[in-house]
Structure formats: structure tokens, C-alpha cells
């Protein structure tokens, strides 16, 4: 019995020791669990912070990407981006406009070259990196000049390369059509100024010999030994050349005309008589009609005679053999503030509506056989005299030019 009690006592002690160890282990585990909870709470906070930072970073990236895309879309030059495989990644709106792509989808450089009219493949083979090449592209609206540049991006491969190939090439396109046109206009203006200077010099050099020829033709006619028909042709040619020379000088602003009170009747009559040899040569009847003995206007006699010469020569040129040109002078209104009207009417071929729009434009000739200066000079001289010129015409029934001068 004592032995049984001893065993029971021994077992009780071992059980107490085991319970003590269990309590101690539980305490350690509880402390470890609390420490683990603290670490989990701290890690959860760090993870939440990292997730928030990542979200902010992604949002910032999206914002920056949208901003960059907006900047590229609003750039004044065209932008074409290719990836490492040569596929077209992006074309901004200006690039589509310059290449007239509209909504067309292009995936390769070959498709872009075919659709846009620019040989991108050829430029790539030339190796014109970071160089602007000027190209002329034919569009539905006419010719367009572009500068095309290429930039290679030196992108080193990264450890974790994305599924899509990285960007490798950027093409830029600029529209320089306005610059080209302005350059052409400047060059044309320079040529026009040079031509004007040369023509003025030649006109001055020709005018004096023409005056001598006119004088000698008159002397030959008075001698009576020469053929009158030859003399008439000689005078017609000289006076035609004289009119052309005066037109050149008038159009180039060479004539600093002196205005004075003069008799318009006498000026118009002189102009008609000056052109008579030209009318006779063309077998066109030329008549001057007026019931006035004199009519005072303020103007320049040479300028008025040049107007009459140009209008009559123009009428004769467009009137067939046997036709007629009539010059009429009349007065309208009171003695002061009235108008003097001079009408030059022919029975020629008339003027088309298309030609009528450009009739007084310097350099325009309906027949293409003249320099196209006469009517432009007439308009300029009439403006200098404070008057006006107008025209009416009917195809195959002739034309009528009316000059209006303010009287004094």
C-alpha cells in the first residue's frame, strides 16, 4: 500500500512538472503569437503603403502617358513611331494629315510608304539618320513639300523585356509648303524686278532710234520717190514699236507725268491720227466722231494719247480684214463737274466671259500674241487721271471700251 502511494505521488509530481512545462510553453507560444501578430500588422501596413504608392505611381504613369500623348497629338509636326520589329506603333494626327492617311490603318513601313506617298524604306536605306530630307509629295490639293527626319533610339535591352518590342525609331515630318511657295514668290519677284529693270533700259535705248526712224519715214514720204504703201507699212511698224516701248515704261513707273489743263478733243484726235497707218496696214476702217471743238480736262497729253493708241491697236488686232473701229467723244453733264466720254468700238471677234475677268491684268493676253501690257497701262493711266475705264462685249459682234474723264 505504501508502495502504491509512492507511485501515485511520483506520478502526481511528474504530472505537475509536465503541466508546469506546458504552462511555460503556452506562455512562450502566446508571446510568440503576439510578436507574430505585431509583425503581421506591421507588414500589412507596409504592404498597404506599398500598394498605395504603386497605385499612385500607376496613376502618375497613366497621367504622364496621357499628357505625353496629348503633347504628341498637338505637335505642329507629324510623328511616326516604329518598334524594334519595324512595325508602326503610333502616328499622330498631324502625321496622318500630312500623309493624307485619314483613318487608314498601316502596320508596316512598306504600307506607310505606299499609303503616304513618302518612300520611308528608301530613306532608311540611305541611312539619313538625324537628317532632314526635303521631299515633294503630290496630293489631291496639289504639291506639298515636306521635311522628313529620322531618329534612332538607343534602347539597351532590359532584364525583364516586355511582351511588346521596345520603341526604336521616330520619324518626324514638317510641312514647309508655305516656305517653299514664299521662296518661289521671292524668286519670281526678284526675276520680275530684274526683268523690269532690263526692259526699262531696253525701252529707253529703243525709244530714241524709233523717233529718228519716224522722222526719216516722214522725210521719205515727203520726197515722193518711194512707194507710199511701203512708207505706210514702215510707219505702222515704227508706231507699233513706239506704243510697246511706251507701255513698258508706263507699266514700270518710269513716266513721271506732268498734269496740266489740256484739250481732250485735240489729244484724242492726235491719238487716232497716230494709229491711222496701223489701221491702213490691217485694212480696218478707223473713224473719229465728235461734235465738240474743244473740251478741257486736267491730264497728261502723252498719257491720254497712249490710252487711245492702246485701245485702237487692241481693237484693230481683234478685228478682221474689212472691219471697222469707231472712236467717239462726247460730253455729259454741266460745264463744271461733268464727264467727258471717249468710246472705242470695234466690229471684231468680241471677248469671252473668262477673258473679261483678267482683261486688265498685266501680262494677260487673250490671243497670246502680245505682251499683254496695253489694257493694264490704260487702266493705270485712267486711275492717274481720276477717271475710269469699262468694257462691254459680245462674242462675234465686237467690243466697246468707254473712258470717262472729269472735265474742268
Protein backbone atom coordinates (compact mmCIF):
# COMPACT_ATOMS: atom_id res chain seq x y z
CA UNK A 1 0.00 0.00 0.00
CA UNK A 2 2.84 2.31 0.79
CA UNK A 3 4.36 1.30 -2.50
CA UNK A 4 1.16 2.27 -4.32
CA UNK A 5 1.09 5.61 -2.62
CA UNK A 6 4.68 6.23 -3.56
CA UNK A 7 3.89 5.51 -7.22
CA UNK A 8 0.88 7.77 -7.13
CA UNK A 9 2.92 10.53 -5.54
CA UNK A 10 5.62 10.10 -8.17
CA UNK A 11 3.08 10.28 -10.98
CA UNK A 12 1.49 13.36 -9.46
CA UNK A 13 4.82 15.09 -9.35
CA UNK A 14 5.59 14.20 -12.99
CA UNK A 15 2.14 15.42 -13.99
CA UNK A 16 2.70 18.68 -12.09
CA UNK A 17 6.08 19.08 -13.79
CA UNK A 18 4.53 18.39 -17.20
CA UNK A 19 1.74 20.88 -16.53
CA UNK A 20 4.31 23.43 -15.44
CA UNK A 21 6.25 22.85 -18.65
CA UNK A 22 3.00 23.12 -20.65
CA UNK A 23 2.13 26.40 -18.96
CA UNK A 24 5.63 27.68 -19.67
CA UNK A 25 5.45 26.56 -23.34
CA UNK A 26 1.99 28.12 -23.68
CA UNK A 27 3.32 31.37 -22.31
CA UNK A 28 6.20 31.30 -24.82
CA UNK A 29 3.82 30.43 -27.66
CA UNK A 30 1.45 33.20 -26.62
CA UNK A 31 4.30 35.67 -26.56
CA UNK A 32 5.48 34.42 -29.96
CA UNK A 33 1.96 34.70 -31.33
CA UNK A 34 1.65 38.27 -30.08
CA UNK A 35 5.02 39.08 -31.65
CA UNK A 36 3.90 37.41 -34.87
CA UNK A 37 0.69 39.43 -34.81
CA UNK A 38 2.71 42.61 -34.42
CA UNK A 39 4.90 41.64 -37.37
CA UNK A 40 1.83 40.75 -39.46
CA UNK A 41 0.24 44.08 -38.56
CA UNK A 42 3.46 45.94 -39.46
CA UNK A 43 3.88 44.00 -42.71
CA UNK A 44 0.22 44.59 -43.58
CA UNK A 45 0.74 48.32 -43.07
CA UNK A 46 3.89 48.28 -45.17
CA UNK A 47 2.08 46.28 -47.87
CA UNK A 48 -0.84 48.73 -47.84
CA UNK A 49 1.61 51.63 -48.12
CA UNK A 50 3.42 49.93 -50.98
CA UNK A 51 0.12 49.17 -52.72
CA UNK A 52 -0.98 52.78 -52.31
CA UNK A 53 2.39 54.00 -53.63
CA UNK A 54 2.14 51.59 -56.54
CA UNK A 55 -1.39 52.80 -57.27
CA UNK A 56 -0.21 56.39 -57.16
CA UNK A 57 2.73 55.50 -59.39
CA UNK A 58 0.48 53.77 -61.91
CA UNK A 59 -1.91 56.72 -61.87
CA UNK A 60 1.02 59.11 -62.35
CA UNK A 61 2.30 56.97 -65.19
CA UNK A 62 -1.14 57.00 -66.81
CA UNK A 63 -1.33 60.76 -66.35
CA UNK A 64 2.12 61.26 -67.80
CA UNK A 65 1.34 58.90 -70.67
CA UNK A 66 -1.89 60.79 -71.40
CA UNK A 67 -0.05 64.11 -71.17
CA UNK A 68 2.73 62.92 -73.48
CA UNK A 69 0.15 61.54 -75.91
CA UNK A 70 -1.72 64.86 -75.83
CA UNK A 71 1.54 66.71 -76.44
CA UNK A 72 2.43 64.45 -79.36
CA UNK A 73 -1.08 64.74 -80.81
CA UNK A 74 -0.92 68.54 -80.60
CA UNK A 75 2.59 68.87 -82.04
CA UNK A 76 2.81 71.02 -85.21
CA UNK A 77 4.89 68.33 -86.91
CA UNK A 78 3.97 64.80 -87.90
CA UNK A 79 5.31 61.96 -85.73
CA UNK A 80 5.57 58.30 -86.73
CA UNK A 81 6.91 55.80 -84.17
CA UNK A 82 8.23 52.33 -85.01
CA UNK A 83 9.18 49.48 -82.72
CA UNK A 84 12.28 47.27 -82.95
CA UNK A 85 10.48 44.92 -85.35
CA UNK A 86 9.76 47.81 -87.76
CA UNK A 87 6.02 47.87 -87.04
CA UNK A 88 4.18 51.19 -86.89
CA UNK A 89 3.27 51.84 -83.27
CA UNK A 90 1.79 55.32 -83.48
CA UNK A 91 1.02 58.15 -85.94
CA UNK A 92 -0.14 61.46 -84.54
CA UNK A 93 -2.99 63.45 -86.21
CA UNK A 94 -0.60 65.88 -87.96
CA UNK A 95 1.29 62.94 -89.42
CA UNK A 96 -1.93 61.47 -90.74
CA UNK A 97 -2.87 64.82 -92.25
CA UNK A 98 0.50 65.33 -93.93
CA UNK A 99 0.47 61.79 -95.32
CA UNK A 100 -3.27 62.01 -96.18
CA UNK A 101 -3.90 58.75 -94.33
CA UNK A 102 -7.23 59.80 -92.78
CA UNK A 103 -8.50 56.70 -90.94
CA UNK A 104 -6.37 54.18 -92.88
CA UNK A 105 -4.60 51.63 -90.71
CA UNK A 106 -0.96 50.98 -91.60
CA UNK A 107 1.12 48.41 -89.76
CA UNK A 108 4.44 48.31 -91.59
CA UNK A 109 6.86 50.80 -93.10
CA UNK A 110 6.05 49.46 -96.57
CA UNK A 111 2.33 50.10 -96.05
CA UNK A 112 3.14 53.56 -94.73
CA UNK A 113 5.27 54.32 -97.80
CA UNK A 114 2.57 53.10 -100.19
CA UNK A 115 -0.27 54.95 -98.45
CA UNK A 116 1.55 58.19 -97.60
CA UNK A 117 3.49 58.75 -100.83
CA UNK A 118 6.80 59.07 -98.95
CA UNK A 119 9.48 56.43 -99.58
CA UNK A 120 10.35 55.75 -95.95
CA UNK A 121 12.05 52.49 -96.88
CA UNK A 122 14.28 54.25 -99.41
CA UNK A 123 15.21 56.93 -96.86
CA UNK A 124 16.03 54.20 -94.36
CA UNK A 125 18.36 52.51 -96.85
CA UNK A 126 20.09 55.83 -97.48
CA UNK A 127 20.94 55.94 -93.82
CA UNK A 128 19.92 59.58 -93.40
CA UNK A 129 19.76 59.35 -89.62
CA UNK A 130 19.09 62.63 -87.78
CA UNK A 131 18.97 64.41 -91.13
CA UNK A 132 16.07 66.30 -92.66
CA UNK A 133 15.35 65.45 -96.30
CA UNK A 134 13.13 67.72 -98.38
CA UNK A 135 10.52 65.85 -100.39
CA UNK A 136 7.76 66.93 -102.75
CA UNK A 137 4.54 64.95 -102.36
CA UNK A 138 1.69 65.11 -104.88
CA UNK A 139 -1.73 65.31 -103.20
CA UNK A 140 -5.26 65.94 -104.40
CA UNK A 141 -4.84 69.60 -103.39
CA UNK A 142 -1.61 69.93 -105.35
CA UNK A 143 2.05 69.68 -104.46
CA UNK A 144 3.15 69.62 -100.82
CA UNK A 145 6.74 69.97 -99.62
CA UNK A 146 7.83 68.07 -96.51
CA UNK A 147 10.99 67.75 -94.48
CA UNK A 148 11.39 64.18 -93.23
CA UNK A 149 13.76 63.34 -90.37
CA UNK A 150 14.62 60.08 -88.63
CA UNK A 151 15.95 59.47 -85.12
CA UNK A 152 17.19 56.12 -83.82
CA UNK A 153 16.57 55.41 -80.13
CA UNK A 154 19.48 53.70 -78.40
CA UNK A 155 17.48 51.47 -76.04
CA UNK A 156 19.54 48.83 -74.21
CA UNK A 157 17.63 45.57 -73.55
CA UNK A 158 16.32 45.29 -70.02
CA UNK A 159 16.38 42.21 -67.78
CA UNK A 160 12.62 41.72 -67.98
CA UNK A 161 11.76 42.81 -71.54
CA UNK A 162 8.02 43.38 -72.02
CA UNK A 163 5.99 41.28 -74.40
CA UNK A 164 5.87 44.09 -76.99
CA UNK A 165 9.15 45.15 -78.65
CA UNK A 166 10.58 48.45 -77.40
CA UNK A 167 10.46 51.63 -79.48
CA UNK A 168 13.41 52.01 -81.81
CA UNK A 169 12.73 54.69 -84.47
CA UNK A 170 10.94 58.05 -84.59
CA UNK A 171 10.15 59.78 -87.90
CA UNK A 172 9.27 63.47 -87.95
CA UNK A 173 7.53 65.32 -90.79
CA UNK A 174 7.17 69.08 -91.24
CA UNK A 175 5.08 70.91 -93.81
CA UNK A 176 7.29 73.53 -95.50
CA UNK A 177 4.93 74.22 -98.40
CA UNK A 178 4.31 77.82 -97.33
CA UNK A 179 8.06 78.41 -97.01
CA UNK A 180 8.66 76.92 -100.46
CA UNK A 181 5.89 78.99 -102.01
CA UNK A 182 7.20 82.12 -100.32
CA UNK A 183 10.68 81.31 -101.60
CA UNK A 184 9.31 80.83 -105.11
CA UNK A 185 7.39 84.10 -104.86
CA UNK A 186 10.52 85.92 -103.70
CA UNK A 187 12.47 84.42 -106.57
CA UNK A 188 9.71 85.38 -109.01
CA UNK A 189 9.69 88.90 -107.56
CA UNK A 190 13.46 89.13 -107.96
CA UNK A 191 13.18 87.95 -111.55
CA UNK A 192 10.34 90.40 -112.18
CA UNK A 193 12.39 93.29 -110.79
CA UNK A 194 15.38 92.28 -112.87
CA UNK A 195 13.21 91.89 -115.96
CA UNK A 196 11.59 95.26 -115.26
CA UNK A 197 14.96 96.94 -114.98
CA UNK A 198 16.22 95.30 -118.17
CA UNK A 199 13.04 96.10 -120.09
CA UNK A 200 13.16 99.72 -118.94
CA UNK A 201 16.77 100.05 -120.05
CA UNK A 202 15.98 98.48 -123.42
CA UNK A 203 12.89 100.68 -123.84
CA UNK A 204 14.94 103.79 -123.19
CA UNK A 205 17.58 102.63 -125.66
CA UNK A 206 14.98 101.83 -128.32
CA UNK A 207 12.85 104.97 -127.96
CA UNK A 208 15.39 107.41 -129.38
CA UNK A 209 16.16 105.36 -132.54
CA UNK A 210 12.40 104.96 -133.08
CA UNK A 211 11.93 108.72 -133.02
CA UNK A 212 14.68 109.05 -135.63
CA UNK A 213 13.12 106.36 -137.79
CA UNK A 214 9.75 108.13 -137.59
CA UNK A 215 11.39 111.36 -138.69
CA UNK A 216 13.20 109.70 -141.59
CA UNK A 217 9.98 107.91 -142.66
CA UNK A 218 8.27 111.31 -142.81
CA UNK A 219 11.11 112.75 -144.88
CA UNK A 220 10.99 109.81 -147.27
CA UNK A 221 7.22 110.23 -147.65
CA UNK A 222 7.65 113.93 -148.45
CA UNK A 223 10.28 113.13 -151.06
CA UNK A 224 7.65 111.36 -153.16
CA UNK A 225 10.07 108.89 -154.73
CA UNK A 226 9.28 105.91 -152.52
CA UNK A 227 6.31 103.54 -152.69
CA UNK A 228 3.54 105.03 -150.48
CA UNK A 229 2.47 101.55 -149.41
CA UNK A 230 5.97 100.78 -148.17
CA UNK A 231 6.07 104.05 -146.29
CA UNK A 232 2.73 103.21 -144.70
CA UNK A 233 3.97 99.81 -143.54
CA UNK A 234 7.17 101.39 -142.24
CA UNK A 235 5.23 103.99 -140.23
CA UNK A 236 2.81 101.36 -138.91
CA UNK A 237 5.68 99.21 -137.66
CA UNK A 238 7.50 102.14 -136.09
CA UNK A 239 4.38 103.39 -134.30
CA UNK A 240 3.52 99.91 -133.06
CA UNK A 241 7.00 99.57 -131.59
CA UNK A 242 6.74 103.07 -130.14
CA UNK A 243 3.48 102.14 -128.41
CA UNK A 244 5.04 98.97 -126.96
CA UNK A 245 8.05 100.90 -125.65
CA UNK A 246 5.80 103.49 -124.01
CA UNK A 247 3.70 100.70 -122.45
CA UNK A 248 6.80 99.15 -120.89
CA UNK A 249 7.91 102.50 -119.47
CA UNK A 250 4.42 103.33 -118.19
CA UNK A 251 3.92 99.95 -116.55
CA UNK A 252 7.31 100.10 -114.82
CA UNK A 253 6.53 103.52 -113.39
CA UNK A 254 9.18 105.24 -115.45
CA UNK A 255 6.95 108.09 -116.54
CA UNK A 256 6.71 110.92 -114.01
CA UNK A 257 3.90 112.65 -115.85
CA UNK A 258 3.17 116.36 -115.57
CA UNK A 259 -0.54 117.15 -115.41
CA UNK A 260 -1.96 120.34 -116.85
CA UNK A 261 -5.10 121.72 -118.43
CA UNK A 262 -5.38 120.43 -122.00
CA UNK A 263 -7.84 119.96 -124.83
CA UNK A 264 -9.14 116.39 -124.78
CA UNK A 265 -10.51 116.70 -128.35
CA UNK A 266 -7.05 117.51 -129.70
CA UNK A 267 -5.41 114.72 -127.68
CA UNK A 268 -7.87 112.07 -128.87
CA UNK A 269 -7.64 113.29 -132.48
CA UNK A 270 -3.83 113.14 -132.32
CA UNK A 271 -4.02 109.60 -130.96
CA UNK A 272 -6.35 108.49 -133.74
CA UNK A 273 -4.16 110.06 -136.43
CA UNK A 274 -1.08 108.40 -134.93
CA UNK A 275 -2.70 104.95 -135.32
CA UNK A 276 -4.03 105.50 -138.86
CA UNK A 277 -1.03 103.81 -140.56
CA UNK A 278 -1.60 100.70 -138.40
CA UNK A 279 -5.30 100.62 -139.36
CA UNK A 280 -4.48 101.04 -143.04
CA UNK A 281 -1.96 98.22 -142.88
CA UNK A 282 -4.63 95.94 -141.34
CA UNK A 283 -7.29 97.13 -143.85
CA UNK A 284 -9.52 98.29 -140.98
CA UNK A 285 -11.58 101.49 -141.31
CA UNK A 286 -10.79 103.94 -138.50
CA UNK A 287 -13.01 106.97 -137.88
CA UNK A 288 -13.12 109.70 -135.23
CA UNK A 289 -16.52 111.24 -134.39
CA UNK A 290 -17.19 114.27 -132.21
CA UNK A 291 -19.36 117.37 -132.30
CA UNK A 292 -17.07 119.24 -129.91
CA UNK A 293 -14.44 121.77 -130.93
CA UNK A 294 -12.61 121.62 -127.59
CA UNK A 295 -13.07 120.07 -124.17
CA UNK A 296 -10.85 120.95 -121.22
CA UNK A 297 -9.62 118.29 -118.81
CA UNK A 298 -6.71 118.10 -116.45
CA UNK A 299 -4.27 115.45 -117.53
CA UNK A 300 -1.17 114.49 -119.41
CA UNK A 301 -1.25 114.64 -123.20
CA UNK A 302 1.22 111.80 -123.75
CA UNK A 303 -0.67 109.60 -121.31
CA UNK A 304 -4.05 110.20 -122.97
CA UNK A 305 -2.58 109.57 -126.43
CA UNK A 306 -1.07 106.34 -125.10
CA UNK A 307 -4.50 105.21 -123.87
CA UNK A 308 -6.09 105.92 -127.28
CA UNK A 309 -3.19 104.16 -129.04
CA UNK A 310 -3.52 101.04 -126.89
CA UNK A 311 -7.30 100.77 -127.24
CA UNK A 312 -7.32 101.29 -131.01
CA UNK A 313 -4.40 98.89 -131.59
CA UNK A 314 -6.18 96.31 -129.44
CA UNK A 315 -9.40 96.81 -131.44
CA UNK A 316 -7.55 96.55 -134.78
CA UNK A 317 -5.79 93.36 -133.62
CA UNK A 318 -9.13 91.66 -132.95
CA UNK A 319 -10.98 93.00 -135.99
CA UNK A 320 -10.88 91.08 -139.25
CA UNK A 321 -9.91 92.47 -142.65
CA UNK A 322 -12.53 94.98 -143.79
CA UNK A 323 -13.80 95.66 -140.27
CA UNK A 324 -14.35 98.99 -138.58
CA UNK A 325 -13.21 100.87 -135.48
CA UNK A 326 -15.08 103.99 -134.38
CA UNK A 327 -13.82 106.48 -131.80
CA UNK A 328 -16.46 108.81 -130.37
CA UNK A 329 -16.03 111.73 -127.98
CA UNK A 330 -18.93 113.43 -126.22
CA UNK A 331 -19.67 115.37 -123.09
CA UNK A 332 -22.20 114.59 -120.35
CA UNK A 333 -23.38 116.85 -117.56
CA UNK A 334 -22.95 120.55 -116.80
CA UNK A 335 -19.99 122.66 -117.74
CA UNK A 336 -18.42 122.09 -114.33
CA UNK A 337 -18.28 118.68 -112.78
CA UNK A 338 -19.40 116.86 -115.92
CA UNK A 339 -17.83 113.89 -117.63
CA UNK A 340 -16.07 113.54 -120.96
CA UNK A 341 -16.70 110.13 -122.53
CA UNK A 342 -14.49 108.52 -125.14
CA UNK A 343 -15.78 105.29 -126.71
CA UNK A 344 -13.63 102.97 -128.81
CA UNK A 345 -15.93 100.49 -130.53
CA UNK A 346 -14.95 97.74 -132.97
CA UNK A 347 -16.67 95.09 -135.08
CA UNK A 348 -14.23 92.38 -134.03
CA UNK A 349 -14.48 88.92 -132.50
CA UNK A 350 -15.52 90.06 -129.01
CA UNK A 351 -14.28 88.96 -125.59
CA UNK A 352 -15.29 85.81 -123.69
CA UNK A 353 -16.50 85.93 -120.09
CA UNK A 354 -13.39 84.07 -118.90
CA UNK A 355 -11.09 86.59 -120.57
CA UNK A 356 -13.16 89.52 -119.27
CA UNK A 357 -12.17 88.69 -115.68
CA UNK A 358 -8.43 89.09 -116.43
CA UNK A 359 -8.66 91.71 -119.15
CA UNK A 360 -6.82 94.48 -117.28
CA UNK A 361 -4.25 92.18 -115.69
CA UNK A 362 -0.64 92.93 -116.67
CA UNK A 363 0.82 90.10 -118.72
CA UNK A 364 -2.54 88.63 -119.76
CA UNK A 365 -3.13 88.35 -123.49
CA UNK A 366 -6.31 86.82 -124.86
CA UNK A 367 -4.64 85.87 -128.13
CA UNK A 368 -1.23 85.09 -126.65
CA UNK A 369 0.40 87.11 -129.43
CA UNK A 370 1.18 90.26 -127.40
CA UNK A 371 2.92 91.03 -124.10
CA UNK A 372 -0.45 91.85 -122.52
CA UNK A 373 0.52 95.32 -121.31
CA UNK A 374 -1.79 97.67 -123.24
CA UNK A 375 -5.03 97.39 -121.26
CA UNK A 376 -3.19 97.24 -117.93
CA UNK A 377 -1.46 100.51 -118.87
CA UNK A 378 -4.81 102.02 -119.89
CA UNK A 379 -6.34 101.23 -116.51
CA UNK A 380 -3.35 102.63 -114.62
CA UNK A 381 -3.30 105.83 -116.68
CA UNK A 382 -7.05 106.33 -116.27
CA UNK A 383 -6.69 106.00 -112.50
CA UNK A 384 -3.91 108.59 -112.56
CA UNK A 385 -6.28 110.93 -114.43
CA UNK A 386 -9.03 110.38 -111.84
CA UNK A 387 -11.16 108.65 -114.47
CA UNK A 388 -12.38 105.15 -115.19
CA UNK A 389 -12.47 102.56 -117.96
CA UNK A 390 -15.12 99.93 -118.57
CA UNK A 391 -15.80 97.41 -121.28
CA UNK A 392 -18.77 95.61 -122.79
CA UNK A 393 -18.54 92.90 -125.40
CA UNK A 394 -20.49 90.30 -127.31
CA UNK A 395 -18.77 87.35 -128.92
CA UNK A 396 -18.54 87.68 -132.72
CA UNK A 397 -20.18 91.13 -132.55
CA UNK A 398 -17.36 93.34 -131.30
CA UNK A 399 -16.37 95.19 -128.14
CA UNK A 400 -16.76 98.68 -126.73
CA UNK A 401 -14.35 100.41 -124.32
CA UNK A 402 -15.61 103.56 -122.61
CA UNK A 403 -13.29 106.09 -120.95
CA UNK A 404 -14.64 108.69 -118.52
CA UNK A 405 -12.64 111.84 -117.71
CA UNK A 406 -13.74 114.53 -115.21
CA UNK A 407 -13.96 117.84 -117.03
CA UNK A 408 -12.98 121.30 -115.75
